[in-house]
Amino acid sequence: MSPTLVLWLHLSAAMILIGGLIAMRVVVRPVLKAAGPESRSHALMQQMGRRFRTLSWVCVVTLVLTGSFNLLNAGASERIETDWGVILMIKLFAFAILVGLLLIHDFVLDPYRETSPVGSLKKPPRSFNRPMLDVLQGAIIATGLIVLFLAAYLAAL
């Protein structure tokens, strides 16, 4: 596969993931929240959240695969003990933190879980602390931006 195509896929996945997270948090959620709790806004947010969750995990897998390919093609093993290698390790550690935070958000707290109709056998939604969820979402975005900064720094070295 062409290194240019792989790099394009890598950058596209990063752009979609981080840009989508910011758009959901800064644009979509406030607009739907302003519509009021009695409107369809809660159901719309759940639908968008579930759709974006699928897209975000496709992006994460794409980032892991294309990042691995890029590392193998870049001759990273020769540069691992340089400043470039140190920054790369910090970037990979930050990315691992990002994935961990996404796992907690999407599969532990799961704010986009479907609510079950009365009498169904589905579990009711887990209760979660909204302020804690807000902090977690902010941490996910901040960590993603840190990963992007470190990637830009690596490209400049």
Protein backbone atom coordinates (compact mmCIF):
# COMPACT_ATOMS: atom_id res chain seq x y z
CA MET A 1 0.00 0.00 0.00
CA SER A 2 1.24 3.48 -0.80
CA PRO A 3 2.75 5.33 2.19
CA THR A 4 0.98 8.49 1.01
CA LEU A 5 -2.40 6.75 1.07
CA VAL A 6 -1.72 5.29 4.52
CA LEU A 7 -0.69 8.70 5.85
CA TRP A 8 -3.83 10.24 4.34
CA LEU A 9 -5.99 7.57 6.03
CA HIS A 10 -4.17 8.19 9.32
CA LEU A 11 -4.67 11.96 9.15
CA SER A 12 -8.29 11.57 8.04
CA ALA A 13 -9.08 9.24 10.94
CA ALA A 14 -7.48 11.65 13.42
CA MET A 15 -9.37 14.58 11.92
CA ILE A 16 -12.73 12.77 11.99
CA LEU A 17 -12.21 11.49 15.54
CA ILE A 18 -11.03 14.72 17.18
CA GLY A 19 -13.15 17.02 15.03
CA GLY A 20 -16.23 14.90 15.66
CA LEU A 21 -15.64 14.84 19.41
CA ILE A 22 -15.31 18.62 19.47
CA ALA A 23 -18.38 19.11 17.26
CA MET A 24 -20.51 16.82 19.44
CA ARG A 25 -19.38 18.54 22.64
CA VAL A 26 -19.25 22.19 21.54
CA VAL A 27 -21.97 22.40 18.88
CA VAL A 28 -24.49 19.54 18.88
CA ARG A 29 -24.93 18.95 22.60
CA PRO A 30 -25.47 22.62 23.57
CA VAL A 31 -27.98 23.16 20.75
CA LEU A 32 -30.00 20.09 21.71
CA LYS A 33 -29.74 20.94 25.41
CA ALA A 34 -31.16 24.42 24.71
CA ALA A 35 -34.19 22.78 23.07
CA GLY A 36 -35.25 21.61 26.52
CA PRO A 37 -35.67 18.24 28.20
CA GLU A 38 -39.27 17.81 27.03
CA SER A 39 -38.36 17.89 23.36
CA ARG A 40 -36.97 15.10 21.23
CA SER A 41 -33.48 16.41 21.94
CA HIS A 42 -32.57 13.61 24.34
CA ALA A 43 -33.53 10.92 21.82
CA LEU A 44 -31.67 12.75 19.05
CA MET A 45 -28.54 13.03 21.18
CA GLN A 46 -28.71 9.31 21.93
CA GLN A 47 -29.03 8.47 18.23
CA MET A 48 -26.17 10.77 17.23
CA GLY A 49 -24.02 9.51 20.09
CA ARG A 50 -24.50 5.87 19.10
CA ARG A 51 -23.70 6.63 15.46
CA PHE A 52 -20.64 8.65 16.36
CA ARG A 53 -19.48 5.95 18.77
CA THR A 54 -19.34 3.49 15.87
CA LEU A 55 -17.49 5.99 13.69
CA SER A 56 -15.05 6.87 16.47
CA TRP A 57 -14.07 3.23 17.04
CA VAL A 58 -13.55 2.75 13.29
CA CYS A 59 -11.23 5.77 13.49
CA VAL A 60 -9.37 4.33 16.50
CA VAL A 61 -8.78 1.01 14.70
CA THR A 62 -7.71 2.89 11.57
CA LEU A 63 -5.26 4.98 13.63
CA VAL A 64 -3.73 1.87 15.21
CA LEU A 65 -3.32 0.06 11.88
CA THR A 66 -2.06 3.03 9.86
CA GLY A 67 0.13 4.22 12.73
CA SER A 68 1.76 0.80 12.91
CA PHE A 69 2.34 0.84 9.15
CA ASN A 70 3.81 4.35 9.35
CA LEU A 71 6.16 3.30 12.15
CA LEU A 72 7.41 0.29 10.23
CA ASN A 73 7.99 2.38 7.09
CA ALA A 74 9.63 5.30 8.91
CA GLY A 75 12.53 3.29 10.25
CA ALA A 76 11.43 4.10 13.78
CA SER A 77 13.64 1.41 15.32
CA GLU A 78 16.76 3.39 14.36
CA ARG A 79 15.37 6.62 15.85
CA ILE A 80 13.79 5.23 19.01
CA GLU A 81 16.67 6.37 21.26
CA THR A 82 16.64 9.93 19.93
CA ASP A 83 14.48 12.90 20.92
CA TRP A 84 12.09 11.80 18.16
CA GLY A 85 11.70 8.41 19.84
CA VAL A 86 11.02 9.98 23.24
CA ILE A 87 8.30 12.22 21.79
CA LEU A 88 6.88 9.24 19.91
CA MET A 89 6.64 7.22 23.14
CA ILE A 90 4.89 10.14 24.87
CA LYS A 91 2.49 10.39 21.92
CA LEU A 92 1.73 6.65 22.02
CA PHE A 93 1.20 6.84 25.78
CA ALA A 94 -1.19 9.79 25.32
CA PHE A 95 -3.02 7.83 22.61
CA ALA A 96 -3.35 4.85 24.97
CA ILE A 97 -4.84 7.18 27.59
CA LEU A 98 -7.24 8.51 24.94
CA VAL A 99 -8.37 4.98 24.07
CA GLY A 100 -8.81 4.15 27.76
CA LEU A 101 -10.94 7.25 28.31
CA LEU A 102 -13.04 6.40 25.25
CA LEU A 103 -13.55 2.87 26.57
CA ILE A 104 -14.77 4.23 29.92
CA HIS A 105 -17.03 6.76 28.21
CA ASP A 106 -18.53 4.41 25.64
CA PHE A 107 -18.76 1.10 27.47
CA VAL A 108 -18.80 1.88 31.21
CA LEU A 109 -20.76 5.11 31.52
CA ASP A 110 -22.48 4.69 28.13
CA PRO A 111 -24.47 7.95 28.05
CA TYR A 112 -26.04 6.95 24.72
CA ARG A 113 -27.54 3.67 25.90
CA GLU A 114 -31.05 3.05 24.67
CA THR A 115 -33.62 3.40 27.39
CA SER A 116 -35.78 0.35 27.77
CA PRO A 117 -39.56 0.44 27.55
CA VAL A 118 -41.45 -0.38 30.72
CA GLY A 119 -41.76 -4.13 31.17
CA SER A 120 -38.96 -5.05 28.79
CA LEU A 121 -36.11 -7.32 29.80
CA LYS A 122 -33.46 -4.78 28.82
CA LYS A 123 -31.44 -3.31 31.63
CA PRO A 124 -32.36 0.22 32.59
CA PRO A 125 -29.70 2.81 31.81
CA ARG A 126 -26.92 3.03 34.35
CA SER A 127 -27.09 6.15 36.39
CA PHE A 128 -24.07 8.36 36.02
CA ASN A 129 -22.94 11.65 37.37
CA ARG A 130 -23.42 14.30 34.62
CA PRO A 131 -20.60 16.57 35.92
CA MET A 132 -18.24 13.57 35.92
CA LEU A 133 -19.28 12.77 32.34
CA ASP A 134 -18.62 16.39 31.34
CA VAL A 135 -15.13 16.21 32.85
CA LEU A 136 -14.48 12.89 31.08
CA GLN A 137 -15.59 14.27 27.71
CA GLY A 138 -13.36 17.31 28.22
CA ALA A 139 -10.44 15.05 29.13
CA ILE A 140 -10.99 12.98 25.98
CA ILE A 141 -10.91 16.08 23.79
CA ALA A 142 -7.88 17.54 25.61
CA THR A 143 -5.98 14.25 25.31
CA GLY A 144 -6.82 14.05 21.61
CA LEU A 145 -5.51 17.57 21.08
CA ILE A 146 -2.32 16.68 22.96
CA VAL A 147 -1.82 13.67 20.66
CA LEU A 148 -2.31 15.95 17.63
CA PHE A 149 0.20 18.46 19.00
CA LEU A 150 2.76 15.72 19.61
CA ALA A 151 2.20 14.42 16.06
CA ALA A 152 2.85 17.89 14.66
CA TYR A 153 5.97 18.20 16.83
CA LEU A 154 7.24 14.83 15.55
CA ALA A 155 6.70 15.91 11.96
CA ALA A 156 8.80 19.02 12.61
CA LEU A 157 11.75 17.05 14.06
